[in-house]
Amino acid sequence: MLICTHNRPASLGRALTALLPQVKAGGHELIVVNDGTPSAAYDAVLAPCGGAVDYLVLPTNGGIAAARNHAAARATGDYLVFTDDDTVAPPFWLNWLMGRLAENPALDAVAGWTRALAPDTANAVGKVQIATGLLPAPHPTADAEWVFVTACLAVRRSLFDSLGGFRLAPQLRLAGEDTELSVRLWRQGARILMDDAWFVEHELGTRLGVELRRQFRYGQSAGAFAGALTATRSSRYFQALRPRDLPGIVWRAGRRGRAAGLSFVQAVMAGALRAAFALGVIAGRRHRVRA
């Protein structure tokens, strides 16, 4: 089990509370890499874990791809199981994965889904995320290919190593490392199971500014890969997107939000988040990644 964390000790504590019983029951290893944000709060979260967690603090913030590679380098198992510090795994999470791998020992990877964490207590920002599908989640790029997310992913260790792990590119420092790895796994001919019954619950946003920046980063990743993915409707759309398209994006997102039951203010938020993603796409195309 591999988790990378950056400046979110409380979220990490919640994730560990869900995972530790599963890890201990199955005799699995749990590795946490702190990407350059040590603090007393983190020490307090890790102290009760004792030797059940292998905790590494990086001296500087090197980005999510580098942090995940550091975590993978410390692992000894045949499969690398990734999740995030802002997720909560259900009690059956690891057992479900082990069952899938036992049924299909030839699998190179299992990719799961995300669901909203505590949707009944969501504030306005969280309600917008739920109504408009703005949580990180797998999505198709071609008939048989999917982009998956490292919030819920298991990859065969030997294949991961043969591919060189997560790619260390400037465009992937903050987001998109899972998109890039997805592309290389599919092109390598990896045997991948997309399993929507294997999932984690993902923390909902509470502050609009934070989510605007997050959507911009996601857009940058999509823009950087606009020409690298299989030619699909989405990739063609990302390549064709222009600033003059923003008003229409905001209007359509707001209209869909209202149709989904959002208030007028929440619908405006939905439009702003979609616009942030689109601006990220436009910015990301200037620094494209060759997959």
Protein backbone atom coordinates (compact mmCIF):
# COMPACT_ATOMS: atom_id res chain seq x y z
CA MET A 1 0.00 0.00 0.00
CA LEU A 2 1.49 3.31 -1.11
CA ILE A 3 0.26 6.76 -0.08
CA CYS A 4 1.87 10.11 -0.85
CA THR A 5 0.91 13.14 1.18
CA HIS A 6 1.50 16.87 0.99
CA ASN A 7 0.34 19.28 3.67
CA ARG A 8 -2.76 17.23 4.60
CA PRO A 9 -2.07 15.53 7.95
CA ALA A 10 -5.72 15.38 9.02
CA SER A 11 -6.79 13.76 5.75
CA LEU A 12 -3.92 11.29 5.97
CA GLY A 13 -4.98 10.35 9.49
CA ARG A 14 -8.48 9.55 8.26
CA ALA A 15 -7.08 7.46 5.39
CA LEU A 16 -4.81 5.50 7.73
CA THR A 17 -7.66 4.83 10.16
CA ALA A 18 -9.50 3.06 7.34
CA LEU A 19 -6.47 1.20 5.98
CA LEU A 20 -4.50 0.05 9.01
CA PRO A 21 -6.91 -2.71 10.12
CA GLN A 22 -6.86 -4.15 6.60
CA VAL A 23 -3.09 -3.90 6.33
CA LYS A 24 -2.51 -5.57 9.69
CA ALA A 25 -5.05 -8.32 9.06
CA GLY A 26 -3.48 -9.25 5.75
CA GLY A 27 0.16 -8.76 6.72
CA HIS A 28 0.63 -6.15 4.02
CA GLU A 29 3.13 -3.30 4.02
CA LEU A 30 1.99 0.32 4.16
CA ILE A 31 4.34 3.03 2.95
CA VAL A 32 3.65 6.75 3.39
CA VAL A 33 5.82 9.34 1.66
CA ASN A 34 5.58 12.95 2.81
CA ASP A 35 6.44 15.18 -0.15
CA GLY A 36 8.44 17.82 1.66
CA THR A 37 5.94 19.04 4.29
CA PRO A 38 7.04 17.60 7.67
CA SER A 39 5.21 18.93 10.72
CA ALA A 40 4.25 18.13 14.28
CA ALA A 41 0.74 17.42 13.03
CA TYR A 42 2.07 14.64 10.80
CA ASP A 43 4.13 13.25 13.68
CA ALA A 44 0.98 13.09 15.80
CA VAL A 45 -0.90 11.24 13.05
CA LEU A 46 1.87 8.67 12.52
CA ALA A 47 2.80 8.09 16.17
CA PRO A 48 -0.07 5.65 16.96
CA CYS A 49 0.76 3.59 13.87
CA GLY A 50 4.05 2.34 15.28
CA GLY A 51 5.87 -0.06 13.01
CA ALA A 52 2.82 -0.69 10.84
CA VAL A 53 3.72 2.28 8.61
CA ASP A 54 7.01 2.85 6.81
CA TYR A 55 7.15 6.65 6.85
CA LEU A 56 9.53 8.60 4.61
CA VAL A 57 9.83 12.38 4.65
CA LEU A 58 11.38 13.87 1.52
CA PRO A 59 13.65 16.90 2.13
CA THR A 60 11.96 18.99 -0.56
CA ASN A 61 8.69 19.02 -2.49
CA GLY A 62 9.55 17.20 -5.70
CA GLY A 63 6.03 16.65 -7.02
CA ILE A 64 3.57 13.80 -6.98
CA ALA A 65 5.25 11.63 -9.65
CA ALA A 66 8.61 11.69 -7.86
CA ALA A 67 6.95 11.01 -4.50
CA ARG A 68 5.10 7.98 -5.87
CA ASN A 69 8.35 6.64 -7.33
CA HIS A 70 10.04 7.00 -3.93
CA ALA A 71 7.18 5.03 -2.37
CA ALA A 72 7.39 2.31 -5.02
CA ALA A 73 11.14 1.98 -4.51
CA ARG A 74 10.57 1.05 -0.84
CA ALA A 75 7.91 -1.57 -1.58
CA THR A 76 8.69 -5.28 -1.71
CA GLY A 77 5.41 -6.84 -2.88
CA ASP A 78 4.52 -8.21 -6.29
CA TYR A 79 1.87 -5.50 -6.78
CA LEU A 80 2.03 -1.80 -6.00
CA VAL A 81 -1.29 -0.58 -4.61
CA PHE A 82 -1.76 3.18 -4.81
CA THR A 83 -4.26 5.46 -3.15
CA ASP A 84 -4.30 9.10 -2.03
CA ASP A 85 -4.21 10.85 1.32
CA ASP A 86 -7.65 12.40 0.72
CA THR A 87 -9.48 9.11 0.24
CA VAL A 88 -11.12 6.56 2.54
CA ALA A 89 -11.03 2.89 1.59
CA PRO A 90 -14.04 0.72 2.52
CA PRO A 91 -13.39 -2.17 4.95
CA PHE A 92 -13.33 -4.76 2.14
CA TRP A 93 -10.97 -2.80 -0.11
CA LEU A 94 -7.80 -4.89 0.10
CA ASN A 95 -9.65 -8.20 0.34
CA TRP A 96 -11.60 -7.33 -2.81
CA LEU A 97 -8.37 -6.59 -4.66
CA MET A 98 -6.71 -9.78 -3.44
CA GLY A 99 -9.73 -11.74 -4.61
CA ARG A 100 -9.58 -10.20 -8.07
CA LEU A 101 -5.89 -11.00 -8.39
CA ALA A 102 -6.41 -14.56 -7.16
CA GLU A 103 -9.16 -15.08 -9.78
CA ASN A 104 -7.04 -13.51 -12.54
CA PRO A 105 -3.34 -14.08 -11.76
CA ALA A 106 -2.32 -12.90 -15.23
CA LEU A 107 -3.59 -9.36 -14.58
CA ASP A 108 -0.98 -6.61 -14.76
CA ALA A 109 -3.18 -3.94 -13.21
CA VAL A 110 -6.53 -3.38 -11.53
CA ALA A 111 -8.00 0.12 -11.75
CA GLY A 112 -10.87 1.17 -9.52
CA TRP A 113 -13.22 4.10 -9.15
CA THR A 114 -13.89 6.96 -6.74
CA ARG A 115 -17.11 7.89 -4.99
CA ALA A 116 -17.93 10.97 -2.96
CA LEU A 117 -16.99 10.87 0.71
CA ALA A 118 -19.82 11.89 3.06
CA PRO A 119 -22.03 13.41 0.33
CA ASP A 120 -24.82 14.17 2.84
CA THR A 121 -22.59 16.68 4.63
CA ALA A 122 -21.22 18.39 1.50
CA ASN A 123 -21.19 22.18 1.38
CA ALA A 124 -21.99 24.14 -1.79
CA VAL A 125 -18.65 23.35 -3.43
CA GLY A 126 -18.97 19.64 -2.68
CA LYS A 127 -22.53 19.55 -4.00
CA VAL A 128 -21.31 21.07 -7.25
CA GLN A 129 -18.62 18.40 -7.53
CA ILE A 130 -21.16 15.62 -7.03
CA ALA A 131 -23.75 17.05 -9.43
CA THR A 132 -21.26 17.75 -12.22
CA GLY A 133 -18.98 14.73 -11.86
CA LEU A 134 -15.87 16.70 -10.97
CA LEU A 135 -14.24 14.05 -8.76
CA PRO A 136 -11.15 12.33 -10.19
CA ALA A 137 -12.35 9.17 -11.92
CA PRO A 138 -11.42 6.86 -14.81
CA HIS A 139 -12.65 7.79 -18.28
CA PRO A 140 -12.34 6.14 -21.71
CA THR A 141 -10.00 7.42 -24.40
CA ALA A 142 -10.73 4.72 -27.01
CA ASP A 143 -12.77 1.56 -27.46
CA ALA A 144 -10.57 -0.56 -25.19
CA GLU A 145 -8.45 2.02 -23.39
CA TRP A 146 -9.14 3.96 -20.23
CA VAL A 147 -7.31 6.65 -18.35
CA PHE A 148 -7.36 5.62 -14.70
CA VAL A 149 -6.51 7.38 -11.45
CA THR A 150 -3.94 6.54 -8.79
CA ALA A 151 -6.52 7.11 -6.08
CA CYS A 152 -7.47 3.45 -6.61
CA LEU A 153 -4.91 1.46 -8.58
CA ALA A 154 -2.83 -1.72 -8.35
CA VAL A 155 0.02 -2.38 -10.80
CA ARG A 156 2.31 -5.40 -11.14
CA ARG A 157 5.66 -4.36 -9.69
CA SER A 158 7.80 -5.91 -12.42
CA LEU A 159 5.86 -4.13 -15.17
CA PHE A 160 5.95 -0.82 -13.32
CA ASP A 161 9.72 -1.11 -12.97
CA SER A 162 10.20 -2.11 -16.61
CA LEU A 163 8.38 1.07 -17.65
CA GLY A 164 10.56 3.21 -15.43
CA GLY A 165 7.79 4.10 -12.97
CA PHE A 166 5.98 7.42 -13.11
CA ARG A 167 7.46 9.80 -15.63
CA LEU A 168 9.33 12.77 -14.19
CA ALA A 169 8.32 15.60 -16.50
CA PRO A 170 7.70 19.22 -15.47
CA GLN A 171 4.14 18.99 -16.84
CA LEU A 172 3.42 16.10 -14.45
CA ARG A 173 4.75 17.64 -11.26
CA LEU A 174 1.32 18.46 -9.78
CA ALA A 175 -1.10 16.23 -11.72
CA GLY A 176 -1.43 13.92 -14.69
CA GLU A 177 1.12 11.31 -13.66
CA ASP A 178 -1.64 8.67 -13.64
CA THR A 179 -2.83 9.71 -17.11
CA GLU A 180 0.67 9.32 -18.51
CA LEU A 181 1.19 5.94 -16.85
CA SER A 182 -2.20 4.77 -18.15
CA VAL A 183 -1.16 5.52 -21.71
CA ARG A 184 2.12 3.63 -21.42
CA LEU A 185 0.50 0.60 -19.77
CA TRP A 186 -2.11 0.26 -22.51
CA ARG A 187 0.50 0.72 -25.25
CA GLN A 188 2.68 -1.90 -23.59
CA GLY A 189 -0.19 -4.36 -23.98
CA ALA A 190 -0.80 -4.66 -20.24
CA ARG A 191 -3.70 -6.82 -19.07
CA ILE A 192 -5.83 -4.33 -17.13
CA LEU A 193 -9.10 -4.88 -15.29
CA MET A 194 -11.31 -1.79 -14.96
CA ASP A 195 -13.39 -2.62 -11.88
CA ASP A 196 -16.05 -0.09 -10.84
CA ALA A 197 -16.96 -2.26 -7.84
CA TRP A 198 -13.49 -1.62 -6.37
CA PHE A 199 -13.51 1.95 -5.12
CA VAL A 200 -12.41 4.49 -2.55
CA GLU A 201 -14.40 7.42 -1.24
CA HIS A 202 -12.81 10.72 -2.23
CA GLU A 203 -12.84 13.83 -0.10
CA LEU A 204 -15.07 16.60 -1.43
CA GLY A 205 -13.85 20.14 -1.78
CA THR A 206 -14.91 22.81 0.69
CA ARG A 207 -13.27 25.94 -0.73
CA LEU A 208 -13.95 27.22 -4.22
CA GLY A 209 -10.49 28.74 -4.67
CA VAL A 210 -8.77 25.45 -3.91
CA GLU A 211 -11.00 23.57 -6.36
CA LEU A 212 -10.49 26.17 -9.08
CA ARG A 213 -6.74 25.65 -8.82
CA ARG A 214 -7.20 21.88 -8.78
CA GLN A 215 -9.36 21.96 -11.94
CA PHE A 216 -6.81 24.19 -13.65
CA ARG A 217 -4.07 21.64 -12.87
CA TYR A 218 -6.24 18.81 -14.20
CA GLY A 219 -6.82 20.84 -17.34
CA GLN A 220 -3.11 21.43 -17.77
CA SER A 221 -2.56 17.68 -17.70
CA ALA A 222 -5.31 17.10 -20.29
CA GLY A 223 -3.90 19.84 -22.50
CA ALA A 224 -0.39 18.47 -22.26
CA PHE A 225 -1.69 15.12 -23.52
CA ALA A 226 -4.08 16.55 -26.10
CA GLY A 227 -2.08 15.21 -29.03
CA ALA A 228 -0.63 12.13 -27.38
CA LEU A 229 -3.76 10.11 -26.64
CA THR A 230 -5.62 8.04 -29.18
CA ALA A 231 -7.62 10.34 -31.46
CA THR A 232 -10.99 10.56 -29.77
CA ARG A 233 -13.69 13.13 -29.42
CA SER A 234 -12.16 14.33 -26.12
CA SER A 235 -8.62 14.66 -27.46
CA ARG A 236 -9.84 16.50 -30.57
CA TYR A 237 -11.88 18.81 -28.35
CA PHE A 238 -8.86 19.58 -26.16
CA GLN A 239 -6.73 20.36 -29.22
CA ALA A 240 -9.38 22.67 -30.69
CA LEU A 241 -10.29 24.55 -27.49
CA ARG A 242 -9.80 28.34 -27.67
CA PRO A 243 -10.33 31.23 -25.19
CA ARG A 244 -13.37 32.38 -27.18
CA ASP A 245 -15.05 29.09 -26.20
CA LEU A 246 -15.05 29.94 -22.48
CA PRO A 247 -18.40 31.79 -22.31
CA GLY A 248 -20.15 28.84 -23.91
CA ILE A 249 -18.45 26.41 -21.54
CA VAL A 250 -19.59 28.43 -18.52
CA TRP A 251 -23.15 28.72 -19.84
CA ARG A 252 -23.50 25.01 -20.67
CA ALA A 253 -22.03 23.92 -17.33
CA GLY A 254 -24.38 26.26 -15.49
CA ARG A 255 -27.38 25.00 -17.44
CA ARG A 256 -26.47 21.36 -16.70
CA GLY A 257 -25.98 22.27 -13.05
CA ARG A 258 -29.45 23.79 -12.83
CA ALA A 259 -30.90 20.71 -14.53
CA ALA A 260 -29.16 18.59 -11.88
CA GLY A 261 -30.87 20.55 -9.11
CA LEU A 262 -28.15 23.06 -8.23
CA SER A 263 -29.06 26.55 -7.08
CA PHE A 264 -28.22 29.52 -9.29
CA VAL A 265 -25.08 30.29 -7.23
CA GLN A 266 -23.98 26.67 -7.33
CA ALA A 267 -24.55 26.56 -11.09
CA VAL A 268 -22.29 29.61 -11.43
CA MET A 269 -19.66 27.71 -9.42
CA ALA A 270 -20.00 24.77 -11.80
CA GLY A 271 -19.39 27.10 -14.74
CA ALA A 272 -16.34 28.60 -13.05
CA LEU A 273 -14.85 25.17 -12.35
CA ARG A 274 -15.36 24.04 -15.93
CA ALA A 275 -13.81 27.28 -17.15
CA ALA A 276 -10.79 26.72 -14.91
CA PHE A 277 -10.34 23.27 -16.43
CA ALA A 278 -10.61 24.71 -19.96
CA LEU A 279 -8.06 27.43 -19.19
CA GLY A 280 -5.74 24.72 -17.90
CA VAL A 281 -6.15 22.78 -21.15
CA ILE A 282 -5.20 25.84 -23.17
CA ALA A 283 -2.19 26.50 -20.96
CA GLY A 284 -1.12 22.85 -20.95
CA ARG A 285 -1.02 22.62 -24.74
CA ARG A 286 1.98 24.95 -24.72
CA HIS A 287 4.04 22.26 -23.00
CA ARG A 288 2.89 19.03 -24.56
CA VAL A 289 3.97 15.60 -23.42
CA ARG A 290 4.88 12.95 -25.94
CA ALA A 291 3.47 9.65 -24.74
